Amino acid sequence: MKHRRQRFSGRAGRGALMAGAVAAVVAAVVVPVQASAGKAAPDGRPGQVDRPETPEVGEVRYDLGDQAFTPPAPYEGKVELSAVVRYPRNVASGRHPLILLQHGLWHTCADRAAQAELEAARKALAEAEKAGDEDEVARRQELVEQASAPLWSWPCRDGVSPLPSSSGYDFLAEALAREGFIVVSVGANGINATSSGQAPSVYQARAALINKHLDMWRQLAEGKGPLRGKLTDAQTGRESHARFAGHVDLGRVGTIGHSMGGGGVMQHASDDRHDAWPEGVEVKAALGLAPTATWDVEPVTKVPLAVLWGTCDQVNTGEYVDWNRGKNQAPLHGFTLTGGNHNYFNTQWSPSSGQVGGKNDAVPGRRPGHCVSQDGLDQEHRGLDEATQRRITTAYTTAFFRRYLMGDTSADGLLTGRKHLPYAPRVVNVEYVPPHRQG
């Protein structure tokens, strides 16, 4: 049985600042995004006004095998070692911070035949439930499980492509790479296919997968290791000649995780897990997009932390700002998007992609275009469209990592709630918790 989505149990937090209309907002904190495609505009950035011209972005990929990594016990299962990498094409001009991104729990295989069979099975189940035939309901439930199995298999069956959840954040990786970051979006389909019934150890497995990729990048930065010669150009499919050796700053690492990937990032950044980081790696900032709660809720007090979620998100279960408040030695940021949902953070999970299973997962309100809030108040909020939710996400994410990986304070007003995005003045609630002073 797959992990069930839980109703959100979190809240925006005490002292949250409602983003109100502001007559003038410093242009430096705005990250424009093309509404149709969700990609960052070439001149969109929240940094200094006297910064050099925005660099072009390159894309490489690597795939060392569908079952190349075995997370440590007690987790059971094997995982792929693959990633989509966005980077500034002028990467050889200096040393660049690295951001590692991990997706959450979703279908592993883009199996349209299985999806059609599943939809038919669900329709038949609904009819049996309406008729009140308990025996038929039980039979139909079993058929639903059978129909869904191919969508969650790993590796995928012959002739079926993996569902590329790691590519669902291309809009965000592109924008971050334009800021000078190397962004590695890793695959976790193997974990999604094997995590059922392993809740106590799945986040440890996700953290271990993060460490594995970071260690491979540590070696690549030294001109060696399993990634040497394995990076392929996304356009040509040929070996890439991008010069990463000597140009990756693993003393300035950021992590991003969505959904259960967010839980994995929080596990990885927790105070008790720093010793497991590869030698020479220092995580300086961690951000969760609607992160789920980890099994043991280990404290995250020493790394700057941000949580970004939507009020119509049914999945987010991690109250990381509240859990670490009063103990935090590093800043905490909470960004709440009024009308945001869970799937729109990932283009592959969203309906406009046409991908298998893509949908708007918010509970629809009675009024068209509205959704029911999942903060316990059951209010109707105007739902954000895909492009707007990603535009806001890009703005806050870029500002957060420029602040903590590059030392750019120009968008501190945005990160603390003193300033707001001019195109979304009443959409984002911001909570900022400065480091706790002991004694």
Protein backbone atom coordinates (compact mmCIF):
# COMPACT_ATOMS: atom_id res chain seq x y z
CA MET A 1 0.00 0.00 0.00
CA LYS A 2 1.37 3.42 -0.95
CA HIS A 3 1.84 6.22 1.53
CA ARG A 4 -1.47 7.94 2.03
CA ARG A 5 -1.61 11.67 1.70
CA GLN A 6 -2.41 13.31 4.98
CA ARG A 7 -4.53 16.32 5.63
CA PHE A 8 -2.37 19.32 6.45
CA SER A 9 -1.91 19.76 10.17
CA GLY A 10 0.30 22.85 10.07
CA ARG A 11 -0.46 26.53 10.24
CA ALA A 12 1.04 29.75 9.00
CA GLY A 13 2.52 30.39 12.45
CA ARG A 14 2.23 33.00 15.17
CA GLY A 15 3.14 36.50 14.15
CA ALA A 16 2.79 35.83 10.44
CA LEU A 17 2.87 39.05 8.44
CA MET A 18 0.10 39.42 5.87
CA ALA A 19 1.58 40.61 2.61
CA GLY A 20 -0.35 43.84 1.98
CA ALA A 21 -0.37 46.23 -0.93
CA VAL A 22 2.76 48.36 -1.07
CA ALA A 23 3.01 51.47 -3.20
CA ALA A 24 6.67 50.99 -4.01
CA VAL A 25 8.70 47.79 -3.92
CA VAL A 26 12.39 47.64 -4.63
CA ALA A 27 12.76 46.14 -8.10
CA ALA A 28 15.73 44.09 -6.96
CA VAL A 29 13.50 41.57 -5.18
CA VAL A 30 11.34 40.78 -8.20
CA VAL A 31 11.91 37.62 -10.22
CA PRO A 32 9.76 37.83 -13.36
CA VAL A 33 8.69 34.55 -14.91
CA GLN A 34 7.08 34.01 -18.28
CA ALA A 35 3.49 33.19 -17.44
CA SER A 36 2.97 30.64 -20.17
CA ALA A 37 6.01 28.45 -19.67
CA GLY A 38 6.97 29.13 -16.07
CA LYS A 39 10.59 29.86 -17.03
CA ALA A 40 12.67 32.66 -15.58
CA ALA A 41 13.02 35.69 -17.77
CA PRO A 42 16.63 36.43 -18.75
CA ASP A 43 16.75 39.61 -16.62
CA GLY A 44 14.77 38.29 -13.64
CA ARG A 45 16.76 38.20 -10.40
CA PRO A 46 16.61 39.56 -6.86
CA GLY A 47 20.28 40.48 -6.55
CA GLN A 48 22.37 43.63 -6.70
CA VAL A 49 21.55 46.14 -9.40
CA ASP A 50 25.23 46.39 -10.38
CA ARG A 51 25.69 42.66 -10.90
CA PRO A 52 27.24 41.41 -14.16
CA GLU A 53 25.12 40.30 -17.08
CA THR A 54 23.03 37.21 -16.41
CA PRO A 55 24.88 34.13 -17.68
CA GLU A 56 23.53 31.65 -20.20
CA VAL A 57 22.47 28.29 -18.78
CA GLY A 58 23.69 24.87 -19.80
CA GLU A 59 22.08 21.50 -19.13
CA VAL A 60 23.72 18.13 -18.63
CA ARG A 61 22.43 14.80 -17.36
CA TYR A 62 23.83 11.67 -15.83
CA ASP A 63 22.41 8.20 -15.27
CA LEU A 64 24.50 5.52 -13.59
CA GLY A 65 21.70 2.96 -13.52
CA ASP A 66 18.18 2.37 -12.23
CA GLN A 67 19.37 0.39 -9.22
CA ALA A 68 22.86 1.79 -8.74
CA PHE A 69 22.49 2.79 -5.08
CA THR A 70 21.38 0.80 -2.05
CA PRO A 71 20.39 2.97 0.93
CA PRO A 72 21.66 1.74 4.30
CA ALA A 73 19.65 -0.72 6.39
CA PRO A 74 17.01 -1.01 7.65
CA TYR A 75 15.68 0.43 4.38
CA GLU A 76 15.09 -2.21 1.71
CA GLY A 77 15.27 -1.26 -1.93
CA LYS A 78 17.55 0.04 -4.66
CA VAL A 79 17.55 3.49 -6.21
CA GLU A 80 18.71 5.12 -9.42
CA LEU A 81 21.67 7.50 -9.51
CA SER A 82 20.50 10.01 -12.08
CA ALA A 83 20.08 13.75 -12.26
CA VAL A 84 19.31 16.75 -14.43
CA VAL A 85 21.91 19.49 -13.95
CA ARG A 86 21.49 23.18 -14.79
CA TYR A 87 24.59 25.37 -14.58
CA PRO A 88 25.89 28.75 -15.73
CA ARG A 89 27.77 28.28 -18.99
CA ASN A 90 30.56 30.44 -17.62
CA VAL A 91 31.06 27.81 -14.89
CA ALA A 92 34.82 27.77 -15.50
CA SER A 93 35.10 31.44 -14.54
CA GLY A 94 35.04 30.85 -10.79
CA ARG A 95 33.73 28.61 -8.00
CA HIS A 96 29.97 28.18 -7.81
CA PRO A 97 27.65 27.11 -4.97
CA LEU A 98 25.79 23.86 -5.54
CA ILE A 99 22.08 23.29 -4.88
CA LEU A 100 20.76 19.74 -4.75
CA LEU A 101 17.04 19.19 -5.34
CA GLN A 102 14.99 16.06 -4.56
CA HIS A 103 11.43 15.34 -5.70
CA GLY A 104 8.75 13.66 -3.64
CA LEU A 105 6.39 10.69 -3.83
CA TRP A 106 4.73 10.28 -7.22
CA HIS A 107 4.18 7.72 -9.95
CA THR A 108 7.42 6.22 -11.16
CA CYS A 109 6.40 5.14 -14.66
CA ALA A 110 4.66 7.13 -17.41
CA ASP A 111 2.44 4.15 -18.27
CA ARG A 112 -0.60 5.52 -20.12
CA ALA A 113 -2.17 2.11 -20.61
CA ALA A 114 -1.98 1.44 -16.88
CA GLN A 115 -3.38 4.91 -16.15
CA ALA A 116 -6.38 4.28 -18.42
CA GLU A 117 -6.99 0.93 -16.76
CA LEU A 118 -6.74 2.55 -13.33
CA GLU A 119 -9.26 5.26 -14.20
CA ALA A 120 -11.71 2.61 -15.44
CA ALA A 121 -11.19 0.58 -12.26
CA ARG A 122 -11.81 3.62 -10.09
CA LYS A 123 -15.00 4.42 -11.97
CA ALA A 124 -16.26 0.87 -11.46
CA LEU A 125 -15.37 1.07 -7.77
CA ALA A 126 -17.36 4.29 -7.38
CA GLU A 127 -20.37 2.64 -8.98
CA ALA A 128 -20.09 -0.34 -6.62
CA GLU A 129 -19.86 1.98 -3.62
CA LYS A 130 -22.92 3.87 -4.79
CA ALA A 131 -24.84 0.60 -5.15
CA GLY A 132 -23.84 -0.45 -1.62
CA ASP A 133 -22.59 -3.88 -2.67
CA GLU A 134 -19.85 -4.59 -0.10
CA ASP A 135 -18.57 -7.74 -1.80
CA GLU A 136 -18.32 -5.94 -5.13
CA VAL A 137 -16.62 -2.98 -3.47
CA ALA A 138 -13.96 -5.29 -2.02
CA ARG A 139 -13.41 -6.89 -5.41
CA ARG A 140 -13.20 -3.56 -7.18
CA GLN A 141 -10.72 -2.21 -4.60
CA GLU A 142 -8.43 -5.12 -5.34
CA LEU A 143 -8.69 -4.39 -9.06
CA VAL A 144 -7.76 -0.75 -8.42
CA GLU A 145 -4.62 -1.88 -6.59
CA GLN A 146 -3.72 -4.23 -9.43
CA ALA A 147 -4.26 -1.52 -12.04
CA SER A 148 -2.08 0.98 -10.19
CA ALA A 149 0.87 -1.38 -9.67
CA PRO A 150 2.57 -0.72 -13.06
CA LEU A 151 2.55 3.02 -12.32
CA TRP A 152 4.64 2.39 -9.20
CA SER A 153 7.04 -0.26 -10.50
CA TRP A 154 10.81 0.17 -10.75
CA PRO A 155 12.44 -0.27 -13.13
CA CYS A 156 9.53 0.37 -15.48
CA ARG A 157 8.30 -2.44 -17.70
CA ASP A 158 9.59 -2.74 -21.26
CA GLY A 159 8.42 0.02 -23.57
CA VAL A 160 7.45 2.37 -20.71
CA SER A 161 9.49 5.44 -19.87
CA PRO A 162 10.23 6.54 -16.31
CA LEU A 163 8.11 9.47 -15.18
CA PRO A 164 10.70 12.29 -14.95
CA SER A 165 9.70 13.97 -11.68
CA SER A 166 13.23 15.36 -11.39
CA SER A 167 12.57 17.48 -14.51
CA GLY A 168 9.47 19.02 -12.95
CA TYR A 169 11.53 21.77 -11.33
CA ASP A 170 13.29 22.91 -14.50
CA PHE A 171 11.70 26.35 -14.17
CA LEU A 172 13.32 26.77 -10.76
CA ALA A 173 16.67 25.23 -11.68
CA GLU A 174 16.90 27.47 -14.74
CA ALA A 175 16.34 30.60 -12.66
CA LEU A 176 18.85 29.53 -10.01
CA ALA A 177 21.48 28.67 -12.61
CA ARG A 178 21.09 32.17 -14.05
CA GLU A 179 22.04 33.43 -10.60
CA GLY A 180 25.31 31.49 -10.72
CA PHE A 181 24.29 28.27 -8.94
CA ILE A 182 24.92 24.72 -10.12
CA VAL A 183 21.57 22.94 -9.62
CA VAL A 184 21.38 19.13 -9.45
CA SER A 185 17.84 17.71 -9.53
CA VAL A 186 18.12 14.03 -8.62
CA GLY A 187 15.85 11.09 -9.36
CA ALA A 188 14.19 9.20 -6.51
CA ASN A 189 11.82 6.89 -8.37
CA GLY A 190 13.47 3.83 -6.84
CA ILE A 191 12.59 5.08 -3.37
CA ASN A 192 9.03 5.86 -4.43
CA ALA A 193 8.61 2.33 -5.73
CA THR A 194 9.94 0.64 -2.58
CA SER A 195 8.98 2.94 0.31
CA SER A 196 5.59 1.41 1.07
CA GLY A 197 5.58 0.12 4.64
CA GLN A 198 8.99 1.66 5.40
CA ALA A 199 7.92 4.97 6.95
CA PRO A 200 10.42 4.76 9.85
CA SER A 201 13.40 4.63 7.48
CA VAL A 202 12.31 6.25 4.21
CA TYR A 203 13.57 9.72 5.17
CA GLN A 204 16.91 8.27 6.22
CA ALA A 205 17.07 6.64 2.78
CA ARG A 206 16.29 9.96 1.13
CA ALA A 207 18.99 11.71 3.17
CA ALA A 208 21.47 8.97 2.24
CA LEU A 209 20.65 9.49 -1.44
CA ILE A 210 21.41 13.21 -1.05
CA ASN A 211 24.76 12.38 0.53
CA LYS A 212 25.59 9.93 -2.25
CA HIS A 213 25.09 12.58 -4.94
CA LEU A 214 26.99 15.18 -2.93
CA ASP A 215 29.89 12.79 -2.53
CA MET A 216 29.97 12.14 -6.27
CA TRP A 217 30.06 15.90 -6.87
CA ARG A 218 32.82 16.25 -4.30
CA GLN A 219 34.88 13.81 -6.33
CA LEU A 220 33.94 15.43 -9.64
CA ALA A 221 35.06 18.80 -8.27
CA GLU A 222 38.48 17.16 -7.81
CA GLY A 223 38.43 15.81 -11.36
CA LYS A 224 37.73 12.20 -10.44
CA GLY A 225 35.02 9.78 -9.33
CA PRO A 226 32.06 8.02 -10.95
CA LEU A 227 30.68 11.13 -12.65
CA ARG A 228 33.86 11.85 -14.56
CA GLY A 229 33.09 11.28 -18.23
CA LYS A 230 29.45 10.41 -17.46
CA LEU A 231 27.83 13.81 -17.96
CA THR A 232 25.99 14.10 -21.27
CA ASP A 233 24.81 17.23 -23.02
CA ALA A 234 21.02 17.38 -22.83
CA GLN A 235 20.70 18.60 -26.42
CA THR A 236 23.18 16.41 -28.25
CA GLY A 237 23.32 13.34 -25.99
CA ARG A 238 27.10 13.41 -26.33
CA GLU A 239 29.62 13.63 -23.53
CA SER A 240 29.66 17.09 -22.03
CA HIS A 241 32.86 19.08 -21.80
CA ALA A 242 31.58 21.45 -19.13
CA ARG A 243 34.48 22.15 -16.77
CA PHE A 244 33.19 21.46 -13.27
CA ALA A 245 36.51 20.30 -11.81
CA GLY A 246 37.86 23.05 -9.58
CA HIS A 247 34.71 25.15 -10.02
CA VAL A 248 32.21 23.64 -7.56
CA ASP A 249 32.15 25.20 -4.08
CA LEU A 250 30.99 22.41 -1.78
CA GLY A 251 31.50 24.67 1.21
CA ARG A 252 28.37 26.49 0.00
CA VAL A 253 25.71 23.85 -0.57
CA GLY A 254 21.95 24.34 -0.54
CA THR A 255 19.24 21.69 -0.57
CA ILE A 256 15.64 21.80 -1.82
CA GLY A 257 13.04 19.09 -1.39
CA HIS A 258 9.40 18.86 -2.41
CA SER A 259 6.84 16.81 -0.49
CA MET A 260 8.59 13.68 0.83
CA GLY A 261 11.72 15.03 -0.80
CA GLY A 262 11.28 17.99 1.54
CA GLY A 263 11.15 15.58 4.45
CA GLY A 264 14.36 14.04 3.14
CA VAL A 265 16.02 17.46 3.02
CA MET A 266 14.95 18.19 6.60
CA GLN A 267 16.29 14.84 7.76
CA HIS A 268 19.55 15.56 5.96
CA ALA A 269 19.87 19.05 7.48
CA SER A 270 18.91 17.97 11.01
CA ASP A 271 21.41 18.63 13.76
CA ASP A 272 22.13 14.93 14.33
CA ARG A 273 22.93 14.23 10.65
CA HIS A 274 25.75 16.67 9.94
CA ASP A 275 28.42 14.06 10.64
CA ALA A 276 27.04 11.99 7.75
CA TRP A 277 27.71 14.75 5.21
CA PRO A 278 30.59 13.91 2.87
CA GLU A 279 33.97 15.33 3.85
CA GLY A 280 34.30 18.95 2.79
CA VAL A 281 30.55 19.44 2.25
CA GLU A 282 28.85 22.22 4.22
CA VAL A 283 25.10 22.71 3.82
CA LYS A 284 24.45 26.41 4.37
CA ALA A 285 20.71 26.55 3.62
CA ALA A 286 17.76 24.13 3.27
CA LEU A 287 14.33 24.81 1.76
CA GLY A 288 11.25 22.60 1.78
CA LEU A 289 8.44 22.94 -0.75
CA ALA A 290 5.42 21.63 1.15
CA PRO A 291 7.64 19.19 3.08
CA THR A 292 6.11 16.19 4.80
CA ALA A 293 6.89 15.45 8.43
CA THR A 294 9.79 13.10 9.08
CA TRP A 295 9.26 10.03 11.23
CA ASP A 296 11.14 11.27 14.28
CA VAL A 297 11.03 15.07 13.69
CA GLU A 298 14.73 15.62 14.40
CA PRO A 299 15.53 19.29 15.17
CA VAL A 300 16.94 21.52 12.44
CA THR A 301 18.42 24.44 14.37
CA LYS A 302 21.89 25.06 12.91
CA VAL A 303 21.13 25.57 9.20
CA PRO A 304 19.09 28.48 7.79
CA LEU A 305 15.72 26.94 7.00
CA ALA A 306 12.75 27.90 4.84
CA VAL A 307 9.37 26.25 4.29
CA LEU A 308 7.13 27.29 1.41
CA TRP A 309 3.64 25.84 1.05
CA GLY A 310 0.13 26.68 -0.19
CA THR A 311 -3.05 26.96 1.88
CA CYS A 312 -4.87 24.51 -0.42
CA ASP A 313 -2.11 21.91 -0.15
CA GLN A 314 -3.46 18.61 1.20
CA VAL A 315 -0.06 16.96 1.66
CA ASN A 316 2.17 19.33 3.61
CA THR A 317 2.48 17.95 7.15
CA GLY A 318 5.74 19.52 8.31
CA GLU A 319 5.52 22.35 10.85
CA TYR A 320 9.26 22.89 10.78
CA VAL A 321 9.17 26.59 11.70
CA ASP A 322 7.12 25.94 14.84
CA TRP A 323 9.01 22.78 15.76
CA ASN A 324 12.37 24.59 15.75
CA ARG A 325 11.26 27.95 17.12
CA GLY A 326 13.03 28.98 20.31
CA LYS A 327 15.88 26.56 19.72
CA ASN A 328 17.04 27.82 16.34
CA GLN A 329 20.61 29.04 16.09
CA ALA A 330 19.98 29.97 12.45
CA PRO A 331 17.13 31.95 10.83
CA LEU A 332 13.76 30.33 10.09
CA HIS A 333 11.52 31.49 7.25
CA GLY A 334 7.92 30.48 6.56
CA PHE A 335 6.25 31.43 3.25
CA THR A 336 2.55 30.64 2.89
CA LEU A 337 0.95 31.02 -0.54
CA THR A 338 -2.77 31.71 -0.28
CA GLY A 339 -4.47 29.43 -2.80
CA GLY A 340 -1.37 27.39 -3.60
CA ASN A 341 -1.63 23.62 -3.95
CA HIS A 342 0.79 20.70 -3.81
CA ASN A 343 1.25 19.57 -7.38
CA TYR A 344 1.89 22.93 -9.02
CA PHE A 345 5.40 23.04 -7.57
CA ASN A 346 6.26 20.28 -10.07
CA THR A 347 5.36 20.73 -13.74
CA GLN A 348 5.29 16.96 -14.33
CA TRP A 349 2.61 16.55 -11.66
CA SER A 350 0.48 19.41 -12.99
CA PRO A 351 -2.41 19.12 -15.46
CA SER A 352 -0.98 21.40 -18.17
CA SER A 353 1.92 18.95 -18.68
CA GLY A 354 -0.34 16.26 -20.10
CA GLN A 355 1.78 13.83 -18.11
CA VAL A 356 0.36 10.62 -16.67
CA GLY A 357 -1.47 11.41 -13.43
CA GLY A 358 -0.98 15.18 -13.66
CA LYS A 359 -3.76 17.05 -11.88
CA ASN A 360 -4.83 19.95 -9.69
CA ASP A 361 -4.93 18.20 -6.33
CA ALA A 362 -6.63 20.98 -4.36
CA VAL A 363 -10.09 20.37 -2.89
CA PRO A 364 -12.39 22.45 -5.11
CA GLY A 365 -14.50 25.15 -3.48
CA ARG A 366 -18.10 25.92 -4.24
CA ARG A 367 -17.13 28.95 -6.31
CA PRO A 368 -15.32 28.43 -9.62
CA GLY A 369 -11.58 28.97 -9.35
CA HIS A 370 -11.56 28.55 -5.57
CA CYS A 371 -10.16 25.81 -3.32
CA VAL A 372 -10.77 24.77 0.28
CA SER A 373 -7.99 25.73 2.68
CA GLN A 374 -6.25 22.93 4.55
CA ASP A 375 -5.30 24.95 7.63
CA GLY A 376 -8.22 23.69 9.69
CA LEU A 377 -10.43 26.67 8.85
CA ASP A 378 -11.95 25.22 5.65
CA GLN A 379 -12.10 28.64 4.04
CA GLU A 380 -12.44 29.18 0.32
CA HIS A 381 -9.35 30.74 -1.25
CA ARG A 382 -8.92 31.80 -4.83
CA GLY A 383 -6.63 29.17 -6.30
CA LEU A 384 -3.35 30.17 -7.85
CA ASP A 385 -2.75 29.13 -11.42
CA GLU A 386 0.34 27.10 -12.26
CA ALA A 387 2.43 29.96 -13.64
CA THR A 388 1.70 32.31 -10.74
CA GLN A 389 2.51 29.71 -8.08
CA ARG A 390 5.84 28.97 -9.78
CA ARG A 391 6.62 32.64 -10.28
CA ILE A 392 6.21 33.29 -6.54
CA THR A 393 8.13 30.14 -5.66
CA THR A 394 11.02 31.21 -7.89
CA ALA A 395 11.17 34.67 -6.33
CA TYR A 396 11.38 33.51 -2.72
CA THR A 397 13.62 30.53 -3.44
CA THR A 398 16.11 32.61 -5.40
CA ALA A 399 16.19 35.33 -2.75
CA PHE A 400 16.67 32.73 0.01
CA PHE A 401 19.66 31.03 -1.60
CA ARG A 402 21.28 34.27 -2.73
CA ARG A 403 21.06 35.39 0.89
CA TYR A 404 22.55 32.32 2.54
CA LEU A 405 24.88 30.96 -0.15
CA MET A 406 26.09 34.25 -1.63
CA GLY A 407 25.66 36.72 1.22
CA ASP A 408 23.36 38.98 -0.82
CA THR A 409 21.21 40.99 1.62
CA SER A 410 19.38 43.04 -1.02
CA ALA A 411 16.20 40.93 -0.71
CA ASP A 412 16.11 40.72 3.10
CA GLY A 413 12.89 42.76 3.06
CA LEU A 414 11.22 40.07 0.98
CA LEU A 415 12.51 37.24 3.15
CA THR A 416 11.37 38.87 6.38
CA GLY A 417 7.99 40.13 5.20
CA ARG A 418 8.79 43.85 5.23
CA LYS A 419 8.40 43.99 1.46
CA HIS A 420 6.17 42.05 -0.90
CA LEU A 421 6.04 41.05 -4.54
CA PRO A 422 4.16 43.73 -6.51
CA TYR A 423 2.37 41.11 -8.63
CA ALA A 424 1.20 39.17 -5.53
CA PRO A 425 0.78 41.76 -2.73
CA ARG A 426 -1.93 39.90 -0.81
CA VAL A 427 -0.98 36.33 -1.60
CA VAL A 428 2.07 35.51 0.52
CA ASN A 429 2.15 35.41 4.32
CA VAL A 430 5.71 35.64 5.60
CA GLU A 431 6.98 34.53 8.98
CA TYR A 432 10.55 35.24 9.99
CA VAL A 433 12.12 33.86 13.16
CA PRO A 434 15.58 35.30 13.85
CA PRO A 435 18.19 33.16 15.57
CA HIS A 436 17.30 32.48 19.19
CA ARG A 437 19.55 34.17 21.71
CA GLN A 438 20.34 31.84 24.57
CA GLY A 439 20.85 33.06 28.10
